[in-house]
Amino acid sequence: MKKTLIIQLILSILTGFIITWVDSRTNWDDTGVSVMMILSASLIFGYFSSQKPWLTALAISVWIPLFGIVTTGNFGSLLALLPGFAGAYLGFILKRKG
């Protein structure tokens, strides 16, 4: 793996952890903001990704569903993967067009 891809992957995972931490707080009940955080982060990382936007999408957005499934059995949280993939591929396409 290229050094830049590894750095980007580490930063993406860290971003996903932070978003999941905020989303899992007891007083946090704003799904729309969580979705926008995932979409925005994935778009930014997807734009700067030289390859593999799917990896960026998973690195950012897999943590909320994983947390939801493990702690409460909420398989509906898998929907959090959608804005992750949408953002990563949109950012990747925007970079290629521009």
N, C-alpha and C. Protein backbone atom coordinates (compact mmCIF):
# COMPACT_ATOMS: atom_id res chain seq x y z
N MET A 1 0.84 -1.19 0.00
CA MET A 1 0.00 0.00 0.00
C MET A 1 0.88 1.24 0.00
N LYS A 2 0.39 2.25 -0.67
CA LYS A 2 1.12 3.51 -0.68
C LYS A 2 1.03 4.19 0.69
N LYS A 3 2.06 4.96 0.98
CA LYS A 3 2.11 5.66 2.26
C LYS A 3 0.93 6.62 2.42
N THR A 4 0.56 7.33 1.36
CA THR A 4 -0.56 8.28 1.45
C THR A 4 -1.88 7.57 1.68
N LEU A 5 -2.04 6.38 1.08
CA LEU A 5 -3.27 5.61 1.28
C LEU A 5 -3.37 5.15 2.72
N ILE A 6 -2.27 4.74 3.31
CA ILE A 6 -2.27 4.29 4.70
C ILE A 6 -2.61 5.46 5.63
N ILE A 7 -2.02 6.62 5.38
CA ILE A 7 -2.31 7.80 6.20
C ILE A 7 -3.77 8.18 6.07
N GLN A 8 -4.28 8.18 4.84
CA GLN A 8 -5.68 8.52 4.61
C GLN A 8 -6.60 7.51 5.30
N LEU A 9 -6.25 6.25 5.25
CA LEU A 9 -7.05 5.22 5.89
C LEU A 9 -7.09 5.41 7.41
N ILE A 10 -5.96 5.71 8.00
CA ILE A 10 -5.90 5.95 9.44
C ILE A 10 -6.75 7.17 9.82
N LEU A 11 -6.64 8.24 9.05
CA LEU A 11 -7.44 9.44 9.32
C LEU A 11 -8.93 9.18 9.12
N SER A 12 -9.27 8.38 8.12
CA SER A 12 -10.67 8.04 7.87
C SER A 12 -11.25 7.22 9.03
N ILE A 13 -10.49 6.26 9.49
CA ILE A 13 -10.95 5.44 10.62
C ILE A 13 -11.11 6.30 11.87
N LEU A 14 -10.18 7.17 12.12
CA LEU A 14 -10.26 8.07 13.27
C LEU A 14 -11.48 8.97 13.17
N THR A 15 -11.74 9.50 11.99
CA THR A 15 -12.93 10.33 11.77
C THR A 15 -14.20 9.53 12.02
N GLY A 16 -14.24 8.29 11.52
CA GLY A 16 -15.40 7.43 11.75
C GLY A 16 -15.61 7.14 13.22
N PHE A 17 -14.52 6.91 13.95
CA PHE A 17 -14.62 6.70 15.40
C PHE A 17 -15.20 7.93 16.11
N ILE A 18 -14.73 9.10 15.73
CA ILE A 18 -15.21 10.34 16.36
C ILE A 18 -16.70 10.53 16.08
N ILE A 19 -17.11 10.33 14.84
CA ILE A 19 -18.53 10.47 14.48
C ILE A 19 -19.37 9.46 15.27
N THR A 20 -18.89 8.23 15.37
CA THR A 20 -19.61 7.20 16.12
C THR A 20 -19.68 7.55 17.60
N TRP A 21 -18.60 8.07 18.14
CA TRP A 21 -18.58 8.47 19.55
C TRP A 21 -19.64 9.55 19.81
N VAL A 22 -19.68 10.56 18.94
CA VAL A 22 -20.68 11.63 19.10
C VAL A 22 -22.08 11.05 18.96
N ASP A 23 -22.28 10.19 17.97
CA ASP A 23 -23.61 9.62 17.72
C ASP A 23 -24.07 8.71 18.86
N SER A 24 -23.15 8.12 19.58
CA SER A 24 -23.52 7.18 20.64
C SER A 24 -23.75 7.84 22.00
N ARG A 25 -23.54 9.13 22.10
CA ARG A 25 -23.75 9.83 23.37
C ARG A 25 -25.21 9.74 23.77
N THR A 26 -25.46 9.66 25.06
CA THR A 26 -26.81 9.51 25.59
C THR A 26 -27.72 10.67 25.20
N ASN A 27 -27.21 11.88 25.24
CA ASN A 27 -28.03 13.05 24.95
C ASN A 27 -28.11 13.37 23.46
N TRP A 28 -27.41 12.64 22.62
CA TRP A 28 -27.39 12.91 21.19
C TRP A 28 -28.54 12.16 20.53
N ASP A 29 -29.43 12.91 19.90
CA ASP A 29 -30.55 12.29 19.22
C ASP A 29 -30.84 13.04 17.92
N ASP A 30 -29.83 13.21 17.11
CA ASP A 30 -29.99 13.95 15.88
C ASP A 30 -29.39 13.16 14.71
N THR A 31 -30.18 12.28 14.16
CA THR A 31 -29.72 11.41 13.08
C THR A 31 -29.30 12.21 11.86
N GLY A 32 -30.02 13.28 11.57
CA GLY A 32 -29.70 14.10 10.39
C GLY A 32 -28.30 14.69 10.45
N VAL A 33 -27.90 15.14 11.61
CA VAL A 33 -26.56 15.71 11.77
C VAL A 33 -25.51 14.60 11.62
N SER A 34 -25.78 13.43 12.17
CA SER A 34 -24.85 12.31 12.03
C SER A 34 -24.70 11.91 10.57
N VAL A 35 -25.80 11.87 9.85
CA VAL A 35 -25.76 11.54 8.42
C VAL A 35 -24.95 12.58 7.66
N MET A 36 -25.14 13.84 7.97
CA MET A 36 -24.38 14.90 7.28
C MET A 36 -22.89 14.85 7.64
N MET A 37 -22.57 14.47 8.87
CA MET A 37 -21.16 14.33 9.24
C MET A 37 -20.51 13.20 8.44
N ILE A 38 -21.21 12.07 8.31
CA ILE A 38 -20.68 10.95 7.53
C ILE A 38 -20.55 11.35 6.06
N LEU A 39 -21.58 11.97 5.51
CA LEU A 39 -21.57 12.38 4.10
C LEU A 39 -20.45 13.37 3.83
N SER A 40 -20.31 14.37 4.68
CA SER A 40 -19.28 15.39 4.50
C SER A 40 -17.88 14.82 4.62
N ALA A 41 -17.65 14.03 5.65
CA ALA A 41 -16.32 13.45 5.84
C ALA A 41 -15.97 12.51 4.69
N SER A 42 -16.92 11.71 4.26
CA SER A 42 -16.67 10.78 3.15
C SER A 42 -16.41 11.53 1.85
N LEU A 43 -17.13 12.62 1.64
CA LEU A 43 -16.93 13.42 0.44
C LEU A 43 -15.52 14.02 0.43
N ILE A 44 -15.11 14.56 1.54
CA ILE A 44 -13.78 15.18 1.63
C ILE A 44 -12.69 14.13 1.45
N PHE A 45 -12.80 13.01 2.17
CA PHE A 45 -11.79 11.97 2.02
C PHE A 45 -11.84 11.32 0.65
N GLY A 46 -13.04 11.19 0.09
CA GLY A 46 -13.18 10.64 -1.26
C GLY A 46 -12.56 11.53 -2.30
N TYR A 47 -12.66 12.83 -2.10
CA TYR A 47 -12.06 13.79 -3.04
C TYR A 47 -10.54 13.68 -3.04
N PHE A 48 -9.97 13.53 -1.87
CA PHE A 48 -8.52 13.46 -1.77
C PHE A 48 -7.97 12.04 -1.94
N SER A 49 -8.88 11.09 -2.14
CA SER A 49 -8.45 9.71 -2.35
C SER A 49 -7.93 9.54 -3.77
N SER A 50 -6.78 8.91 -3.88
CA SER A 50 -6.23 8.66 -5.21
C SER A 50 -6.82 7.37 -5.79
N GLN A 51 -7.34 6.54 -4.93
CA GLN A 51 -7.92 5.27 -5.36
C GLN A 51 -8.78 4.69 -4.25
N LYS A 52 -9.57 3.70 -4.57
CA LYS A 52 -10.36 2.94 -3.61
C LYS A 52 -11.31 3.78 -2.75
N PRO A 53 -12.28 4.47 -3.37
CA PRO A 53 -13.24 5.22 -2.55
C PRO A 53 -14.10 4.31 -1.68
N TRP A 54 -14.27 3.05 -2.06
CA TRP A 54 -15.05 2.12 -1.25
C TRP A 54 -14.38 1.88 0.09
N LEU A 55 -13.06 1.88 0.10
CA LEU A 55 -12.32 1.68 1.34
C LEU A 55 -12.50 2.89 2.27
N THR A 56 -12.47 4.07 1.66
CA THR A 56 -12.72 5.30 2.43
C THR A 56 -14.11 5.28 3.03
N ALA A 57 -15.10 4.88 2.23
CA ALA A 57 -16.49 4.84 2.70
C ALA A 57 -16.64 3.88 3.87
N LEU A 58 -16.06 2.72 3.76
CA LEU A 58 -16.15 1.75 4.86
C LEU A 58 -15.40 2.23 6.10
N ALA A 59 -14.23 2.82 5.90
CA ALA A 59 -13.43 3.27 7.04
C ALA A 59 -14.16 4.32 7.87
N ILE A 60 -14.97 5.13 7.21
CA ILE A 60 -15.69 6.18 7.92
C ILE A 60 -17.04 5.70 8.45
N SER A 61 -17.80 5.00 7.62
CA SER A 61 -19.20 4.75 7.96
C SER A 61 -19.53 3.39 8.56
N VAL A 62 -18.59 2.50 8.69
CA VAL A 62 -18.90 1.17 9.20
C VAL A 62 -19.07 1.15 10.72
N TRP A 63 -18.56 2.14 11.41
CA TRP A 63 -18.51 2.10 12.87
C TRP A 63 -19.87 2.30 13.53
N ILE A 64 -20.72 3.15 12.97
CA ILE A 64 -22.06 3.34 13.55
C ILE A 64 -22.88 2.06 13.44
N PRO A 65 -22.93 1.40 12.26
CA PRO A 65 -23.67 0.13 12.21
C PRO A 65 -23.06 -0.94 13.11
N LEU A 66 -21.75 -1.01 13.16
CA LEU A 66 -21.09 -1.99 14.01
C LEU A 66 -21.47 -1.77 15.47
N PHE A 67 -21.42 -0.53 15.90
CA PHE A 67 -21.79 -0.19 17.28
C PHE A 67 -23.26 -0.51 17.53
N GLY A 68 -24.13 -0.14 16.59
CA GLY A 68 -25.57 -0.38 16.75
C GLY A 68 -25.92 -1.85 16.80
N ILE A 69 -25.27 -2.64 15.98
CA ILE A 69 -25.56 -4.08 15.94
C ILE A 69 -25.03 -4.77 17.20
N VAL A 70 -23.82 -4.42 17.60
CA VAL A 70 -23.22 -5.07 18.77
C VAL A 70 -23.93 -4.69 20.06
N THR A 71 -24.28 -3.42 20.24
CA THR A 71 -24.85 -2.99 21.52
C THR A 71 -26.35 -3.21 21.64
N THR A 72 -27.09 -3.02 20.55
CA THR A 72 -28.56 -3.11 20.65
C THR A 72 -29.20 -4.04 19.64
N GLY A 73 -28.41 -4.65 18.77
CA GLY A 73 -28.97 -5.51 17.75
C GLY A 73 -29.73 -4.74 16.67
N ASN A 74 -29.41 -3.47 16.50
CA ASN A 74 -30.09 -2.60 15.55
C ASN A 74 -29.48 -2.74 14.15
N PHE A 75 -30.05 -3.63 13.34
CA PHE A 75 -29.54 -3.83 11.99
C PHE A 75 -29.97 -2.70 11.05
N GLY A 76 -30.90 -1.89 11.48
CA GLY A 76 -31.30 -0.72 10.70
C GLY A 76 -30.19 0.31 10.61
N SER A 77 -29.24 0.23 11.53
CA SER A 77 -28.12 1.17 11.50
C SER A 77 -27.20 0.92 10.30
N LEU A 78 -27.39 -0.19 9.60
CA LEU A 78 -26.62 -0.43 8.37
C LEU A 78 -26.89 0.65 7.32
N LEU A 79 -27.99 1.37 7.47
CA LEU A 79 -28.30 2.47 6.55
C LEU A 79 -27.26 3.57 6.61
N ALA A 80 -26.47 3.62 7.68
CA ALA A 80 -25.41 4.62 7.79
C ALA A 80 -24.32 4.41 6.75
N LEU A 81 -24.29 3.24 6.14
CA LEU A 81 -23.30 2.98 5.09
C LEU A 81 -23.63 3.77 3.81
N LEU A 82 -24.90 4.04 3.58
CA LEU A 82 -25.31 4.72 2.34
C LEU A 82 -24.70 6.10 2.18
N PRO A 83 -24.81 7.00 3.17
CA PRO A 83 -24.18 8.31 2.97
C PRO A 83 -22.65 8.22 2.90
N GLY A 84 -22.08 7.21 3.52
CA GLY A 84 -20.63 7.02 3.43
C GLY A 84 -20.20 6.71 2.01
N PHE A 85 -20.89 5.78 1.38
CA PHE A 85 -20.56 5.42 0.00
C PHE A 85 -20.91 6.54 -0.97
N ALA A 86 -22.06 7.18 -0.74
CA ALA A 86 -22.45 8.29 -1.62
C ALA A 86 -21.42 9.41 -1.57
N GLY A 87 -21.00 9.79 -0.39
CA GLY A 87 -20.02 10.86 -0.25
C GLY A 87 -18.66 10.50 -0.83
N ALA A 88 -18.19 9.31 -0.54
CA ALA A 88 -16.86 8.91 -1.02
C ALA A 88 -16.82 8.85 -2.54
N TYR A 89 -17.84 8.28 -3.15
CA TYR A 89 -17.84 8.19 -4.61
C TYR A 89 -18.10 9.54 -5.27
N LEU A 90 -18.93 10.37 -4.65
CA LEU A 90 -19.16 11.72 -5.18
C LEU A 90 -17.87 12.53 -5.14
N GLY A 91 -17.15 12.49 -4.04
CA GLY A 91 -15.88 13.18 -3.95
C GLY A 91 -14.87 12.66 -4.95
N PHE A 92 -14.81 11.35 -5.12
CA PHE A 92 -13.89 10.73 -6.07
C PHE A 92 -14.22 11.16 -7.50
N ILE A 93 -15.50 11.20 -7.85
CA ILE A 93 -15.93 11.61 -9.19
C ILE A 93 -15.67 13.09 -9.42
N LEU A 94 -15.94 13.91 -8.41
CA LEU A 94 -15.70 15.36 -8.55
C LEU A 94 -14.22 15.65 -8.82
N LYS A 95 -13.35 14.92 -8.18
CA LYS A 95 -11.92 15.12 -8.39
C LYS A 95 -11.53 14.72 -9.81
N ARG A 96 -12.07 13.64 -10.30
CA ARG A 96 -11.73 13.18 -11.63
C ARG A 96 -12.25 14.11 -12.72
N LYS A 97 -13.40 14.76 -12.47
CA LYS A 97 -13.97 15.67 -13.45
C LYS A 97 -13.30 17.04 -13.42
N GLY A 98 -12.78 17.43 -12.28
CA GLY A 98 -12.23 18.77 -12.11
C GLY A 98 -10.80 18.80 -12.24
